[in-house]
Amino acid sequence: CEDSIRECVNSLPDRRLDILVSNAGMGMIGPLECQSVKGMQDVFNTNFFGLVRLVKEVLPDMKRRQSGHIVVMSSVMGVQGLLFNDVYAASKFAVEGLCESLAVQAMKFNIKMTLVEPGPVLTEFERKVYEDAQTMDLSGTDEETARIFREIYLPYSRKVFSSLSQSPEEVAEQTFQLIVSKNPPFRHQTNRLYTPMTAMKHADPTGRLPLDAFYRIIFQHDRVFNVSLGFMRLLQRRTKKSKV
């Protein structure tokens, strides 16, 4: 993989690359006990180390020229973890930590960094992850966890995707606007309906607020969950109409 990346960079005229967009990704959902360590390593190798390899190749030249823009496709799950997305969220947390640390150094060399943080996006990537989850071997976990995954998490996820997901074209358009911007933000959430979810984490330094909120919505208040989805769906439609 590193050799392929190096070959691509070396093929550029004068090795010059003004904009790097890192978009490779791999998903994983399900009970942690049912995931193989090899599978977890594959997720990190794609989502985190794939980015590291790319940045290592282009950063030295960007530093020499004191110019460049590194755009990284992250996720709202790089800011806030989600039930049964343990490993995927961990890989995106790693991406966020790497970029947040590196961005300070990049500023010294006039290099811009932007983390794009979508929520659910309706693509074949997402469909494949959830199709695999339907037939996942859950024998490695207890009956209650398997029931929660099958009867609560998967149906809830389908509702969220059918109600609140974005199209890849929407995310691509917002990413393009970030690329052409003279002063792009460091973080950009493409789906503003998820801002309250991530804001809860920063509102309570103890971390209890988002955990308690998600627990109650998922396990105690099914009606609240459905009403909230309906309200958010209405907001999304109004937002789209206002842009037309």
Protein backbone atom coordinates (compact mmCIF):
# COMPACT_ATOMS: atom_id res chain seq x y z
CA CYS A 1 0.00 0.00 0.00
CA GLU A 2 2.79 2.45 0.91
CA ASP A 3 4.60 1.65 -2.34
CA SER A 4 1.44 2.37 -4.36
CA ILE A 5 0.91 5.69 -2.59
CA ARG A 6 4.54 6.65 -3.11
CA GLU A 7 4.32 5.74 -6.80
CA CYS A 8 1.22 7.91 -7.27
CA VAL A 9 2.83 10.88 -5.55
CA ASN A 10 6.08 10.48 -7.50
CA SER A 11 4.11 10.50 -10.77
CA LEU A 12 2.91 14.06 -10.11
CA PRO A 13 4.69 16.89 -11.95
CA ASP A 14 7.42 18.14 -9.60
CA ARG A 15 5.77 15.96 -6.90
CA ARG A 16 3.44 18.91 -6.33
CA LEU A 17 0.09 18.21 -4.71
CA ASP A 18 -1.88 21.24 -3.53
CA ILE A 19 -4.94 19.39 -2.23
CA LEU A 20 -5.15 15.94 -0.64
CA VAL A 21 -8.61 14.44 -0.07
CA SER A 22 -8.54 11.26 2.01
CA ASN A 23 -11.83 9.41 1.54
CA ALA A 24 -11.06 5.70 1.99
CA GLY A 25 -13.18 4.03 4.62
CA MET A 26 -14.25 0.68 6.03
CA GLY A 27 -17.19 0.02 8.35
CA MET A 28 -17.78 -2.41 11.20
CA ILE A 29 -20.85 -2.78 13.42
CA GLY A 30 -21.94 -5.39 15.93
CA PRO A 31 -21.18 -6.63 19.44
CA LEU A 32 -17.49 -6.31 20.27
CA GLU A 33 -17.28 -9.94 21.39
CA CYS A 34 -18.29 -11.07 17.91
CA GLN A 35 -15.58 -9.11 16.09
CA SER A 36 -12.22 -10.67 15.27
CA VAL A 37 -9.04 -8.82 16.15
CA LYS A 38 -7.98 -9.25 12.51
CA GLY A 39 -11.18 -7.54 11.38
CA MET A 40 -10.58 -4.67 13.80
CA GLN A 41 -7.02 -4.30 12.53
CA ASP A 42 -8.31 -4.14 8.95
CA VAL A 43 -10.64 -1.28 9.91
CA PHE A 44 -7.79 0.68 11.50
CA ASN A 45 -5.45 -0.14 8.64
CA THR A 46 -7.92 1.42 6.18
CA ASN A 47 -9.48 4.25 8.17
CA PHE A 48 -6.46 5.39 10.18
CA PHE A 49 -3.20 4.05 8.81
CA GLY A 50 -4.35 4.64 5.22
CA LEU A 51 -4.62 8.32 6.10
CA VAL A 52 -1.27 8.26 7.90
CA ARG A 53 0.46 6.80 4.82
CA LEU A 54 -1.02 9.45 2.55
CA VAL A 55 -0.14 12.36 4.83
CA LYS A 56 3.41 11.11 5.35
CA GLU A 57 3.97 11.22 1.59
CA VAL A 58 2.56 14.66 0.86
CA LEU A 59 3.30 16.60 4.05
CA PRO A 60 7.07 17.12 3.52
CA ASP A 61 6.53 18.73 0.11
CA MET A 62 3.67 20.88 1.38
CA LYS A 63 5.96 22.05 4.19
CA ARG A 64 8.72 22.96 1.75
CA ARG A 65 6.30 24.98 -0.37
CA GLN A 66 4.43 26.27 2.70
CA SER A 67 1.19 25.62 0.90
CA GLY A 68 -1.48 22.93 0.70
CA HIS A 69 -4.84 21.73 1.97
CA ILE A 70 -5.43 18.30 3.55
CA VAL A 71 -9.13 17.33 3.55
CA VAL A 72 -10.03 14.24 5.57
CA MET A 73 -13.36 12.43 5.47
CA SER A 74 -14.10 11.70 9.10
CA SER A 75 -17.52 11.14 10.72
CA VAL A 76 -19.75 12.43 13.51
CA MET A 77 -18.72 9.15 15.12
CA GLY A 78 -15.23 10.59 15.36
CA VAL A 79 -16.74 13.06 17.82
CA GLN A 80 -19.40 10.99 19.56
CA GLY A 81 -19.41 7.19 19.91
CA LEU A 82 -22.51 5.19 19.04
CA LEU A 83 -23.94 1.88 20.22
CA PHE A 84 -22.46 -1.17 18.41
CA ASN A 85 -20.10 1.04 16.39
CA ASP A 86 -17.25 0.62 18.88
CA VAL A 87 -14.39 -0.19 16.50
CA TYR A 88 -15.50 2.08 13.67
CA ALA A 89 -15.92 5.01 16.08
CA ALA A 90 -12.52 4.24 17.61
CA SER A 91 -10.88 4.43 14.18
CA LYS A 92 -12.54 7.79 13.50
CA PHE A 93 -11.57 9.06 16.97
CA ALA A 94 -8.00 8.18 16.01
CA VAL A 95 -8.36 10.15 12.76
CA GLU A 96 -9.68 13.16 14.66
CA GLY A 97 -6.89 12.99 17.23
CA LEU A 98 -4.20 12.71 14.56
CA CYS A 99 -5.53 15.67 12.58
CA GLU A 100 -6.23 17.84 15.61
CA SER A 101 -2.64 17.35 16.76
CA LEU A 102 -1.13 17.76 13.32
CA ALA A 103 -3.18 20.85 12.45
CA VAL A 104 -1.22 23.01 14.89
CA GLN A 105 2.06 22.12 13.19
CA ALA A 106 0.47 22.51 9.76
CA MET A 107 -0.56 26.09 10.55
CA LYS A 108 3.08 27.01 11.06
CA PHE A 109 3.73 25.98 7.44
CA ASN A 110 0.60 27.64 6.05
CA ILE A 111 -1.04 24.26 5.42
CA LYS A 112 -4.81 23.99 5.89
CA MET A 113 -6.49 20.93 7.40
CA THR A 114 -10.21 20.17 7.31
CA LEU A 115 -12.14 17.31 8.89
CA VAL A 116 -15.42 16.59 7.08
CA GLU A 117 -17.86 14.90 9.48
CA PRO A 118 -20.94 13.39 7.79
CA GLY A 119 -23.69 11.56 9.58
CA PRO A 120 -25.35 8.64 7.75
CA VAL A 121 -24.86 8.75 3.98
CA LEU A 122 -26.95 6.53 1.71
CA THR A 123 -24.33 4.63 -0.33
CA GLU A 124 -23.42 1.05 -1.20
CA PHE A 125 -20.83 1.26 1.58
CA GLU A 126 -23.56 1.69 4.19
CA ARG A 127 -25.90 -0.84 2.59
CA LYS A 128 -23.19 -3.51 2.57
CA VAL A 129 -22.34 -2.95 6.23
CA TYR A 130 -25.97 -3.37 7.29
CA GLU A 131 -26.61 -6.30 4.97
CA ASP A 132 -23.68 -8.13 6.56
CA ALA A 133 -25.03 -7.25 10.01
CA GLN A 134 -28.35 -9.00 9.24
CA THR A 135 -26.61 -12.37 8.93
CA MET A 136 -23.85 -11.76 11.47
CA ASP A 137 -22.86 -14.69 13.70
CA LEU A 138 -23.80 -13.56 17.21
CA SER A 139 -22.89 -16.80 18.98
CA GLY A 140 -19.92 -15.07 20.60
CA THR A 141 -22.10 -12.85 22.77
CA ASP A 142 -24.89 -13.34 25.31
CA GLU A 143 -28.56 -13.65 24.36
CA GLU A 144 -29.55 -10.22 25.69
CA THR A 145 -26.84 -8.39 23.73
CA ALA A 146 -27.77 -10.34 20.59
CA ARG A 147 -31.44 -9.39 21.12
CA ILE A 148 -30.59 -5.71 21.57
CA PHE A 149 -28.53 -5.75 18.38
CA ARG A 150 -31.16 -7.51 16.27
CA GLU A 151 -34.40 -6.11 17.73
CA ILE A 152 -33.42 -2.59 18.78
CA TYR A 153 -30.22 -1.39 17.13
CA LEU A 154 -30.79 -2.62 13.56
CA PRO A 155 -34.43 -1.41 13.32
CA TYR A 156 -33.46 1.97 14.85
CA SER A 157 -30.59 2.30 12.39
CA ARG A 158 -32.88 1.62 9.44
CA LYS A 159 -35.25 4.34 10.67
CA VAL A 160 -32.39 6.81 11.06
CA PHE A 161 -31.04 6.09 7.58
CA SER A 162 -34.43 6.28 5.91
CA SER A 163 -35.24 9.54 7.70
CA LEU A 164 -32.03 11.50 8.11
CA SER A 165 -29.41 10.22 5.68
CA GLN A 166 -27.75 12.47 3.10
CA SER A 167 -26.95 11.64 -0.49
CA PRO A 168 -23.29 11.31 -1.48
CA GLU A 169 -23.85 14.25 -3.84
CA GLU A 170 -24.78 16.49 -0.89
CA VAL A 171 -21.62 15.54 1.00
CA ALA A 172 -19.49 15.93 -2.14
CA GLU A 173 -20.88 19.41 -2.82
CA GLN A 174 -20.16 20.57 0.71
CA THR A 175 -16.67 19.08 0.53
CA PHE A 176 -16.03 20.93 -2.74
CA GLN A 177 -17.12 24.21 -1.14
CA LEU A 178 -14.64 23.58 1.69
CA ILE A 179 -11.86 22.95 -0.85
CA VAL A 180 -12.45 26.20 -2.74
CA SER A 181 -12.95 28.25 0.42
CA LYS A 182 -10.23 30.78 1.22
CA ASN A 183 -10.55 30.15 4.93
CA PRO A 184 -12.02 26.66 5.47
CA PRO A 185 -12.95 25.53 8.98
CA PHE A 186 -11.02 22.79 10.73
CA ARG A 187 -14.22 20.81 11.35
CA HIS A 188 -17.39 20.73 9.26
CA GLN A 189 -20.47 18.62 9.97
CA THR A 190 -22.36 18.06 6.72
CA ASN A 191 -25.66 17.24 8.44
CA ARG A 192 -26.63 19.99 10.87
CA LEU A 193 -29.33 17.78 12.40
CA TYR A 194 -26.52 15.95 14.21
CA THR A 195 -25.04 19.07 15.79
CA PRO A 196 -27.14 18.72 19.00
CA MET A 197 -25.87 15.15 19.39
CA THR A 198 -22.22 16.18 19.33
CA ALA A 199 -22.89 19.38 21.30
CA MET A 200 -24.10 17.35 24.30
CA LYS A 201 -20.62 15.92 24.71
CA HIS A 202 -19.07 19.35 25.14
CA ALA A 203 -21.91 20.63 27.33
CA ASP A 204 -21.09 18.21 30.15
CA PRO A 205 -17.40 17.66 31.02
CA THR A 206 -18.31 14.52 33.02
CA GLY A 207 -19.58 12.79 29.87
CA ARG A 208 -22.79 11.67 31.55
CA LEU A 209 -25.20 13.83 29.55
CA PRO A 210 -24.82 12.14 26.12
CA LEU A 211 -24.57 8.67 27.65
CA ASP A 212 -27.76 9.12 29.70
CA ALA A 213 -29.58 10.71 26.76
CA PHE A 214 -28.72 7.90 24.33
CA TYR A 215 -29.52 5.24 26.93
CA ARG A 216 -32.97 6.66 27.61
CA ILE A 217 -33.81 7.15 23.95
CA ILE A 218 -32.71 3.66 22.97
CA PHE A 219 -33.87 1.59 25.95
CA GLN A 220 -36.61 3.55 27.69
CA HIS A 221 -38.40 5.93 25.36
CA ASP A 222 -39.25 4.37 22.01
CA ARG A 223 -42.03 6.90 21.46
CA VAL A 224 -39.64 9.80 22.12
CA PHE A 225 -37.23 8.32 19.58
CA ASN A 226 -39.92 8.11 16.89
CA VAL A 227 -41.24 11.61 17.62
CA SER A 228 -37.70 13.01 17.54
CA LEU A 229 -37.07 11.36 14.18
CA GLY A 230 -40.25 12.83 12.80
CA PHE A 231 -39.34 16.31 14.02
CA MET A 232 -35.81 16.06 12.63
CA ARG A 233 -37.17 14.79 9.31
CA LEU A 234 -39.42 17.85 9.12
CA LEU A 235 -36.48 20.16 9.84
CA GLN A 236 -34.44 18.45 7.15
CA ARG A 237 -37.19 18.94 4.54
CA ARG A 238 -37.57 22.61 5.44
CA THR A 239 -33.81 23.12 5.25
CA LYS A 240 -33.69 21.57 1.78
CA LYS A 241 -36.61 23.67 0.57
CA SER A 242 -34.99 26.87 1.84
CA LYS A 243 -31.89 26.10 -0.23
CA VAL A 244 -33.85 25.64 -3.46
